[in-house]
Amino acid sequence: MRLDKFLKVSRIIKRRTVANEACDAERVSVNGRPAKASYDVKINDEITVTLGSRSLKVRVISVNEYAQKADAAQMYEVIE
């Protein structure tokens, strides 16, 4: 699954266009490297999202094409 879609489906970022813009601005990194929106997310990837002064680091647990709002948080675990 594409990185921008994963961020939207998992509800880390609410809209895919915002996720895409964050990737273009190098505010999203995967395993310590800046990642493009087209990056293919895999299980155990560590994603860091920096928006404003807030930073969120998560580890991917599952990659689902669709997720209910209640199930979205089970796609990742927060590291920091």
PDB file of N, CA and C in Angstrom:
ATOM      1  N   MET A   1       0.842  -1.172   0.000  1.00  0.00           N
ATOM      2  CA  MET A   1       0.000   0.000   0.000  1.00  0.00           C
ATOM      3  C   MET A   1       0.891   1.242   0.000  1.00  0.00           C
ATOM      4  N   ARG A   2       0.468   2.264  -0.735  1.00  0.00           N
ATOM      5  CA  ARG A   2       1.210   3.518  -0.784  1.00  0.00           C
ATOM      6  C   ARG A   2       1.227   4.190   0.588  1.00  0.00           C
ATOM      7  N   LEU A   3       2.299   4.917   0.849  1.00  0.00           N
ATOM      8  CA  LEU A   3       2.453   5.595   2.143  1.00  0.00           C
ATOM      9  C   LEU A   3       1.332   6.591   2.400  1.00  0.00           C
ATOM     10  N   ASP A   4       0.987   7.411   1.413  1.00  0.00           N
ATOM     11  CA  ASP A   4      -0.065   8.403   1.637  1.00  0.00           C
ATOM     12  C   ASP A   4      -1.411   7.739   1.931  1.00  0.00           C
ATOM     13  N   LYS A   5      -1.688   6.627   1.275  1.00  0.00           N
ATOM     14  CA  LYS A   5      -2.941   5.911   1.543  1.00  0.00           C
ATOM     15  C   LYS A   5      -2.913   5.272   2.938  1.00  0.00           C
ATOM     16  N   PHE A   6      -1.763   4.714   3.336  1.00  0.00           N
ATOM     17  CA  PHE A   6      -1.664   4.125   4.676  1.00  0.00           C
ATOM     18  C   PHE A   6      -1.917   5.175   5.751  1.00  0.00           C
ATOM     19  N   LEU A   7      -1.329   6.355   5.595  1.00  0.00           N
ATOM     20  CA  LEU A   7      -1.514   7.421   6.584  1.00  0.00           C
ATOM     21  C   LEU A   7      -2.979   7.830   6.682  1.00  0.00           C
ATOM     22  N   LYS A   8      -3.698   7.804   5.561  1.00  0.00           N
ATOM     23  CA  LYS A   8      -5.117   8.161   5.568  1.00  0.00           C
ATOM     24  C   LYS A   8      -5.975   7.040   6.145  1.00  0.00           C
ATOM     25  N   VAL A   9      -5.766   5.794   5.693  1.00  0.00           N
ATOM     26  CA  VAL A   9      -6.576   4.667   6.158  1.00  0.00           C
ATOM     27  C   VAL A   9      -6.380   4.435   7.657  1.00  0.00           C
ATOM     28  N   SER A  10      -5.157   4.589   8.134  1.00  0.00           N
ATOM     29  CA  SER A  10      -4.882   4.393   9.560  1.00  0.00           C
ATOM     30  C   SER A  10      -5.278   5.612  10.396  1.00  0.00           C
ATOM     31  N   ARG A  11      -5.684   6.682   9.720  1.00  0.00           N
ATOM     32  CA  ARG A  11      -6.134   7.927  10.333  1.00  0.00           C
ATOM     33  C   ARG A  11      -5.042   8.640  11.137  1.00  0.00           C
ATOM     34  N   ILE A  12      -3.798   8.417  10.758  1.00  0.00           N
ATOM     35  CA  ILE A  12      -2.702   9.210  11.334  1.00  0.00           C
ATOM     36  C   ILE A  12      -2.816  10.627  10.778  1.00  0.00           C
ATOM     37  N   ILE A  13      -3.118  10.729   9.488  1.00  0.00           N
ATOM     38  CA  ILE A  13      -3.430  12.001   8.832  1.00  0.00           C
ATOM     39  C   ILE A  13      -4.823  11.841   8.232  1.00  0.00           C
ATOM     40  N   LYS A  14      -5.678  12.825   8.420  1.00  0.00           N
ATOM     41  CA  LYS A  14      -7.094  12.672   8.089  1.00  0.00           C
ATOM     42  C   LYS A  14      -7.396  12.635   6.583  1.00  0.00           C
ATOM     43  N   ARG A  15      -6.617  13.354   5.769  1.00  0.00           N
ATOM     44  CA  ARG A  15      -6.903  13.392   4.334  1.00  0.00           C
ATOM     45  C   ARG A  15      -5.679  12.985   3.533  1.00  0.00           C
ATOM     46  N   ARG A  16      -5.929  12.291   2.436  1.00  0.00           N
ATOM     47  CA  ARG A  16      -4.833  11.785   1.614  1.00  0.00           C
ATOM     48  C   ARG A  16      -4.041  12.919   0.962  1.00  0.00           C
ATOM     49  N   THR A  17      -4.719  13.999   0.583  1.00  0.00           N
ATOM     50  CA  THR A  17      -3.998  15.120  -0.022  1.00  0.00           C
ATOM     51  C   THR A  17      -3.042  15.760   0.970  1.00  0.00           C
ATOM     52  N   VAL A  18      -3.443  15.830   2.231  1.00  0.00           N
ATOM     53  CA  VAL A  18      -2.570  16.381   3.275  1.00  0.00           C
ATOM     54  C   VAL A  18      -1.381  15.441   3.485  1.00  0.00           C
ATOM     55  N   ALA A  19      -1.628  14.135   3.464  1.00  0.00           N
ATOM     56  CA  ALA A  19      -0.548  13.155   3.597  1.00  0.00           C
ATOM     57  C   ALA A  19       0.429  13.283   2.433  1.00  0.00           C
ATOM     58  N   ASN A  20      -0.107  13.474   1.233  1.00  0.00           N
ATOM     59  CA  ASN A  20       0.735  13.623   0.042  1.00  0.00           C
ATOM     60  C   ASN A  20       1.598  14.882   0.145  1.00  0.00           C
ATOM     61  N   GLU A  21       1.007  15.987   0.590  1.00  0.00           N
ATOM     62  CA  GLU A  21       1.754  17.237   0.747  1.00  0.00           C
ATOM     63  C   GLU A  21       2.818  17.119   1.834  1.00  0.00           C
ATOM     64  N   ALA A  22       2.529  16.397   2.908  1.00  0.00           N
ATOM     65  CA  ALA A  22       3.509  16.193   3.977  1.00  0.00           C
ATOM     66  C   ALA A  22       4.696  15.388   3.460  1.00  0.00           C
ATOM     67  N   CYS A  23       4.441  14.399   2.622  1.00  0.00           N
ATOM     68  CA  CYS A  23       5.526  13.604   2.036  1.00  0.00           C
ATOM     69  C   CYS A  23       6.376  14.465   1.105  1.00  0.00           C
ATOM     70  N   ASP A  24       5.731  15.298   0.298  1.00  0.00           N
ATOM     71  CA  ASP A  24       6.455  16.179  -0.629  1.00  0.00           C
ATOM     72  C   ASP A  24       7.332  17.171   0.119  1.00  0.00           C
ATOM     73  N   ALA A  25       6.893  17.605   1.297  1.00  0.00           N
ATOM     74  CA  ALA A  25       7.644  18.568   2.101  1.00  0.00           C
ATOM     75  C   ALA A  25       8.666  17.875   3.011  1.00  0.00           C
ATOM     76  N   GLU A  26       8.856  16.564   2.830  1.00  0.00           N
ATOM     77  CA  GLU A  26       9.798  15.759   3.614  1.00  0.00           C
ATOM     78  C   GLU A  26       9.508  15.819   5.109  1.00  0.00           C
ATOM     79  N   ARG A  27       8.231  15.825   5.488  1.00  0.00           N
ATOM     80  CA  ARG A  27       7.820  15.789   6.889  1.00  0.00           C
ATOM     81  C   ARG A  27       7.493  14.364   7.331  1.00  0.00           C
ATOM     82  N   VAL A  28       7.602  13.423   6.396  1.00  0.00           N
ATOM     83  CA  VAL A  28       7.337  12.019   6.696  1.00  0.00           C
ATOM     84  C   VAL A  28       8.583  11.222   6.353  1.00  0.00           C
ATOM     85  N   SER A  29       9.048  10.409   7.308  1.00  0.00           N
ATOM     86  CA  SER A  29      10.197   9.552   7.039  1.00  0.00           C
ATOM     87  C   SER A  29       9.858   8.123   7.432  1.00  0.00           C
ATOM     88  N   VAL A  30      10.458   7.202   6.692  1.00  0.00           N
ATOM     89  CA  VAL A  30      10.262   5.775   6.959  1.00  0.00           C
ATOM     90  C   VAL A  30      11.626   5.173   7.239  1.00  0.00           C
ATOM     91  N   ASN A  31      11.754   4.530   8.388  1.00  0.00           N
ATOM     92  CA  ASN A  31      13.019   3.924   8.817  1.00  0.00           C
ATOM     93  C   ASN A  31      14.163   4.931   8.781  1.00  0.00           C
ATOM     94  N   GLY A  32      13.881   6.171   9.175  1.00  0.00           N
ATOM     95  CA  GLY A  32      14.911   7.198   9.279  1.00  0.00           C
ATOM     96  C   GLY A  32      15.240   7.931   8.004  1.00  0.00           C
ATOM     97  N   ARG A  33      14.554   7.632   6.897  1.00  0.00           N
ATOM     98  CA  ARG A  33      14.831   8.305   5.615  1.00  0.00           C
ATOM     99  C   ARG A  33      13.572   8.997   5.126  1.00  0.00           C
ATOM    100  N   PRO A  34      13.713  10.198   4.558  1.00  0.00           N
ATOM    101  CA  PRO A  34      12.537  10.859   3.974  1.00  0.00           C
ATOM    102  C   PRO A  34      11.910   9.958   2.910  1.00  0.00           C
ATOM    103  N   ALA A  35      10.585   9.884   2.905  1.00  0.00           N
ATOM    104  CA  ALA A  35       9.897   8.972   1.991  1.00  0.00           C
ATOM    105  C   ALA A  35       8.916   9.719   1.112  1.00  0.00           C
ATOM    106  N   LYS A  36       8.781   9.240  -0.115  1.00  0.00           N
ATOM    107  CA  LYS A  36       7.798   9.797  -1.039  1.00  0.00           C
ATOM    108  C   LYS A  36       6.442   9.170  -0.758  1.00  0.00           C
ATOM    109  N   ALA A  37       5.398   9.815  -1.246  1.00  0.00           N
ATOM    110  CA  ALA A  37       4.037   9.320  -1.051  1.00  0.00           C
ATOM    111  C   ALA A  37       3.831   7.956  -1.701  1.00  0.00           C
ATOM    112  N   SER A  38       4.622   7.632  -2.702  1.00  0.00           N
ATOM    113  CA  SER A  38       4.468   6.367  -3.426  1.00  0.00           C
ATOM    114  C   SER A  38       5.219   5.210  -2.771  1.00  0.00           C
ATOM    115  N   TYR A  39       5.904   5.456  -1.653  1.00  0.00           N
ATOM    116  CA  TYR A  39       6.634   4.398  -0.960  1.00  0.00           C
ATOM    117  C   TYR A  39       5.686   3.263  -0.586  1.00  0.00           C
ATOM    118  N   ASP A  40       6.120   2.019  -0.775  1.00  0.00           N
ATOM    119  CA  ASP A  40       5.300   0.847  -0.474  1.00  0.00           C
ATOM    120  C   ASP A  40       5.502   0.450   0.992  1.00  0.00           C
ATOM    121  N   VAL A  41       4.482   0.677   1.813  1.00  0.00           N
ATOM    122  CA  VAL A  41       4.552   0.406   3.246  1.00  0.00           C
ATOM    123  C   VAL A  41       4.534  -1.086   3.505  1.00  0.00           C
ATOM    124  N   LYS A  42       5.431  -1.528   4.408  1.00  0.00           N
ATOM    125  CA  LYS A  42       5.515  -2.937   4.786  1.00  0.00           C
ATOM    126  C   LYS A  42       5.386  -3.057   6.304  1.00  0.00           C
ATOM    127  N   ILE A  43       5.037  -4.237   6.765  1.00  0.00           N
ATOM    128  CA  ILE A  43       4.928  -4.495   8.199  1.00  0.00           C
ATOM    129  C   ILE A  43       6.301  -4.297   8.840  1.00  0.00           C
ATOM    130  N   ASN A  44       6.328  -3.723  10.027  1.00  0.00           N
ATOM    131  CA  ASN A  44       7.518  -3.393  10.827  1.00  0.00           C
ATOM    132  C   ASN A  44       8.252  -2.147  10.357  1.00  0.00           C
ATOM    133  N   ASP A  45       7.751  -1.431   9.365  1.00  0.00           N
ATOM    134  CA  ASP A  45       8.330  -0.136   9.005  1.00  0.00           C
ATOM    135  C   ASP A  45       8.082   0.838  10.151  1.00  0.00           C
ATOM    136  N   GLU A  46       9.044   1.725  10.397  1.00  0.00           N
ATOM    137  CA  GLU A  46       8.875   2.772  11.406  1.00  0.00           C
ATOM    138  C   GLU A  46       8.659   4.091  10.677  1.00  0.00           C
ATOM    139  N   ILE A  47       7.489   4.679  10.884  1.00  0.00           N
ATOM    140  CA  ILE A  47       7.105   5.909  10.196  1.00  0.00           C
ATOM    141  C   ILE A  47       7.114   7.054  11.198  1.00  0.00           C
ATOM    142  N   THR A  48       7.789   8.144  10.837  1.00  0.00           N
ATOM    143  CA  THR A  48       7.814   9.347  11.655  1.00  0.00           C
ATOM    144  C   THR A  48       7.123  10.463  10.893  1.00  0.00           C
ATOM    145  N   VAL A  49       6.118  11.067  11.513  1.00  0.00           N
ATOM    146  CA  VAL A  49       5.370  12.162  10.901  1.00  0.00           C
ATOM    147  C   VAL A  49       5.574  13.399  11.757  1.00  0.00           C
ATOM    148  N   THR A  50       6.033  14.497  11.138  1.00  0.00           N
ATOM    149  CA  THR A  50       6.244  15.755  11.838  1.00  0.00           C
ATOM    150  C   THR A  50       5.321  16.799  11.233  1.00  0.00           C
ATOM    151  N   LEU A  51       4.365  17.251  12.003  1.00  0.00           N
ATOM    152  CA  LEU A  51       3.449  18.302  11.572  1.00  0.00           C
ATOM    153  C   LEU A  51       3.488  19.410  12.612  1.00  0.00           C
ATOM    154  N   GLY A  52       3.947  20.571  12.202  1.00  0.00           N
ATOM    155  CA  GLY A  52       4.119  21.678  13.144  1.00  0.00           C
ATOM    156  C   GLY A  52       5.220  21.346  14.131  1.00  0.00           C
ATOM    157  N   SER A  53       4.942  21.525  15.403  1.00  0.00           N
ATOM    158  CA  SER A  53       5.944  21.212  16.420  1.00  0.00           C
ATOM    159  C   SER A  53       5.760  19.807  16.983  1.00  0.00           C
ATOM    160  N   ARG A  54       4.729  19.083  16.496  1.00  0.00           N
ATOM    161  CA  ARG A  54       4.439  17.742  17.003  1.00  0.00           C
ATOM    162  C   ARG A  54       5.082  16.697  16.105  1.00  0.00           C
ATOM    163  N   SER A  55       5.565  15.644  16.721  1.00  0.00           N
ATOM    164  CA  SER A  55       6.167  14.543  15.993  1.00  0.00           C
ATOM    165  C   SER A  55       5.581  13.237  16.516  1.00  0.00           C
ATOM    166  N   LEU A  56       5.270  12.329  15.594  1.00  0.00           N
ATOM    167  CA  LEU A  56       4.683  11.045  15.962  1.00  0.00           C
ATOM    168  C   LEU A  56       5.467   9.943  15.274  1.00  0.00           C
ATOM    169  N   LYS A  57       5.913   8.969  16.055  1.00  0.00           N
ATOM    170  CA  LYS A  57       6.657   7.841  15.514  1.00  0.00           C
ATOM    171  C   LYS A  57       5.871   6.568  15.784  1.00  0.00           C
ATOM    172  N   VAL A  58       5.585   5.808  14.707  1.00  0.00           N
ATOM    173  CA  VAL A  58       4.780   4.597  14.836  1.00  0.00           C
ATOM    174  C   VAL A  58       5.452   3.436  14.112  1.00  0.00           C
ATOM    175  N   ARG A  59       5.107   2.216  14.532  1.00  0.00           N
ATOM    176  CA  ARG A  59       5.559   0.993  13.857  1.00  0.00           C
ATOM    177  C   ARG A  59       4.335   0.352  13.221  1.00  0.00           C
ATOM    178  N   VAL A  60       4.454  -0.037  11.961  1.00  0.00           N
ATOM    179  CA  VAL A  60       3.348  -0.628  11.222  1.00  0.00           C
ATOM    180  C   VAL A  60       3.141  -2.062  11.694  1.00  0.00           C
ATOM    181  N   ILE A  61       1.900  -2.390  12.077  1.00  0.00           N
ATOM    182  CA  ILE A  61       1.552  -3.737  12.516  1.00  0.00           C
ATOM    183  C   ILE A  61       0.841  -4.502  11.411  1.00  0.00           C
ATOM    184  N   SER A  62      -0.081  -3.824  10.725  1.00  0.00           N
ATOM    185  CA  SER A  62      -0.797  -4.473   9.625  1.00  0.00           C
ATOM    186  C   SER A  62      -1.074  -3.458   8.524  1.00  0.00           C
ATOM    187  N   VAL A  63      -1.227  -3.970   7.313  1.00  0.00           N
ATOM    188  CA  VAL A  63      -1.505  -3.131   6.159  1.00  0.00           C
ATOM    189  C   VAL A  63      -2.832  -3.604   5.565  1.00  0.00           C
ATOM    190  N   ASN A  64      -3.890  -2.847   5.831  1.00  0.00           N
ATOM    191  CA  ASN A  64      -5.224  -3.176   5.333  1.00  0.00           C
ATOM    192  C   ASN A  64      -5.658  -2.099   4.345  1.00  0.00           C
ATOM    193  N   GLU A  65      -6.284  -2.517   3.247  1.00  0.00           N
ATOM    194  CA  GLU A  65      -6.761  -1.556   2.257  1.00  0.00           C
ATOM    195  C   GLU A  65      -7.866  -0.668   2.823  1.00  0.00           C
ATOM    196  N   TYR A  66      -8.683  -1.228   3.696  1.00  0.00           N
ATOM    197  CA  TYR A  66      -9.788  -0.481   4.297  1.00  0.00           C
ATOM    198  C   TYR A  66      -9.799  -0.762   5.797  1.00  0.00           C
ATOM    199  N   ALA A  67     -10.252   0.218   6.562  1.00  0.00           N
ATOM    200  CA  ALA A  67     -10.350   0.018   8.008  1.00  0.00           C
ATOM    201  C   ALA A  67     -11.487   0.855   8.555  1.00  0.00           C
ATOM    202  N   GLN A  68     -12.259   0.267   9.438  1.00  0.00           N
ATOM    203  CA  GLN A  68     -13.282   1.015  10.151  1.00  0.00           C
ATOM    204  C   GLN A  68     -12.573   1.976  11.105  1.00  0.00           C
ATOM    205  N   LYS A  69     -13.262   3.012  11.520  1.00  0.00           N
ATOM    206  CA  LYS A  69     -12.663   3.987  12.429  1.00  0.00           C
ATOM    207  C   LYS A  69     -12.163   3.328  13.703  1.00  0.00           C
ATOM    208  N   ALA A  70     -12.929   2.368  14.218  1.00  0.00           N
ATOM    209  CA  ALA A  70     -12.549   1.685  15.454  1.00  0.00           C
ATOM    210  C   ALA A  70     -11.324   0.787  15.267  1.00  0.00           C
ATOM    211  N   ASP A  71     -11.107   0.286  14.060  1.00  0.00           N
ATOM    212  CA  ASP A  71     -10.003  -0.637  13.790  1.00  0.00           C
ATOM    213  C   ASP A  71      -8.734   0.059  13.303  1.00  0.00           C
ATOM    214  N   ALA A  72      -8.825   1.329  12.957  1.00  0.00           N
ATOM    215  CA  ALA A  72      -7.692   2.037  12.361  1.00  0.00           C
ATOM    216  C   ALA A  72      -6.475   2.077  13.287  1.00  0.00           C
ATOM    217  N   ALA A  73      -6.687   2.258  14.568  1.00  0.00           N
ATOM    218  CA  ALA A  73      -5.578   2.357  15.518  1.00  0.00           C
ATOM    219  C   ALA A  73      -4.852   1.029  15.704  1.00  0.00           C
ATOM    220  N   GLN A  74      -5.445  -0.071  15.266  1.00  0.00           N
ATOM    221  CA  GLN A  74      -4.803  -1.375  15.393  1.00  0.00           C
ATOM    222  C   GLN A  74      -3.837  -1.661  14.239  1.00  0.00           C
ATOM    223  N   MET A  75      -3.719  -0.727  13.297  1.00  0.00           N
ATOM    224  CA  MET A  75      -2.803  -0.903  12.173  1.00  0.00           C
ATOM    225  C   MET A  75      -1.380  -0.500  12.533  1.00  0.00           C
ATOM    226  N   TYR A  76      -1.206   0.182  13.669  1.00  0.00           N
ATOM    227  CA  TYR A  76       0.126   0.644  14.086  1.00  0.00           C
ATOM    228  C   TYR A  76       0.211   0.713  15.598  1.00  0.00           C
ATOM    229  N   GLU A  77       1.451   0.792  16.077  1.00  0.00           N
ATOM    230  CA  GLU A  77       1.681   1.037  17.503  1.00  0.00           C
ATOM    231  C   GLU A  77       2.561   2.263  17.639  1.00  0.00           C
ATOM    232  N   VAL A  78       2.256   3.100  18.606  1.00  0.00           N
ATOM    233  CA  VAL A  78       3.005   4.333  18.820  1.00  0.00           C
ATOM    234  C   VAL A  78       4.287   4.000  19.561  1.00  0.00           C
ATOM    235  N   ILE A  79       5.404   4.473  19.019  1.00  0.00           N
ATOM    236  CA  ILE A  79       6.713   4.234  19.631  1.00  0.00           C
ATOM    237  C   ILE A  79       7.087   5.454  20.485  1.00  0.00           C
ATOM    238  N   GLU A  80       6.956   6.647  19.913  1.00  0.00           N
ATOM    239  CA  GLU A  80       7.271   7.891  20.643  1.00  0.00           C
ATOM    240  C   GLU A  80       6.153   8.872  20.472  1.00  0.00           C
TER     241      GLU A  80
END
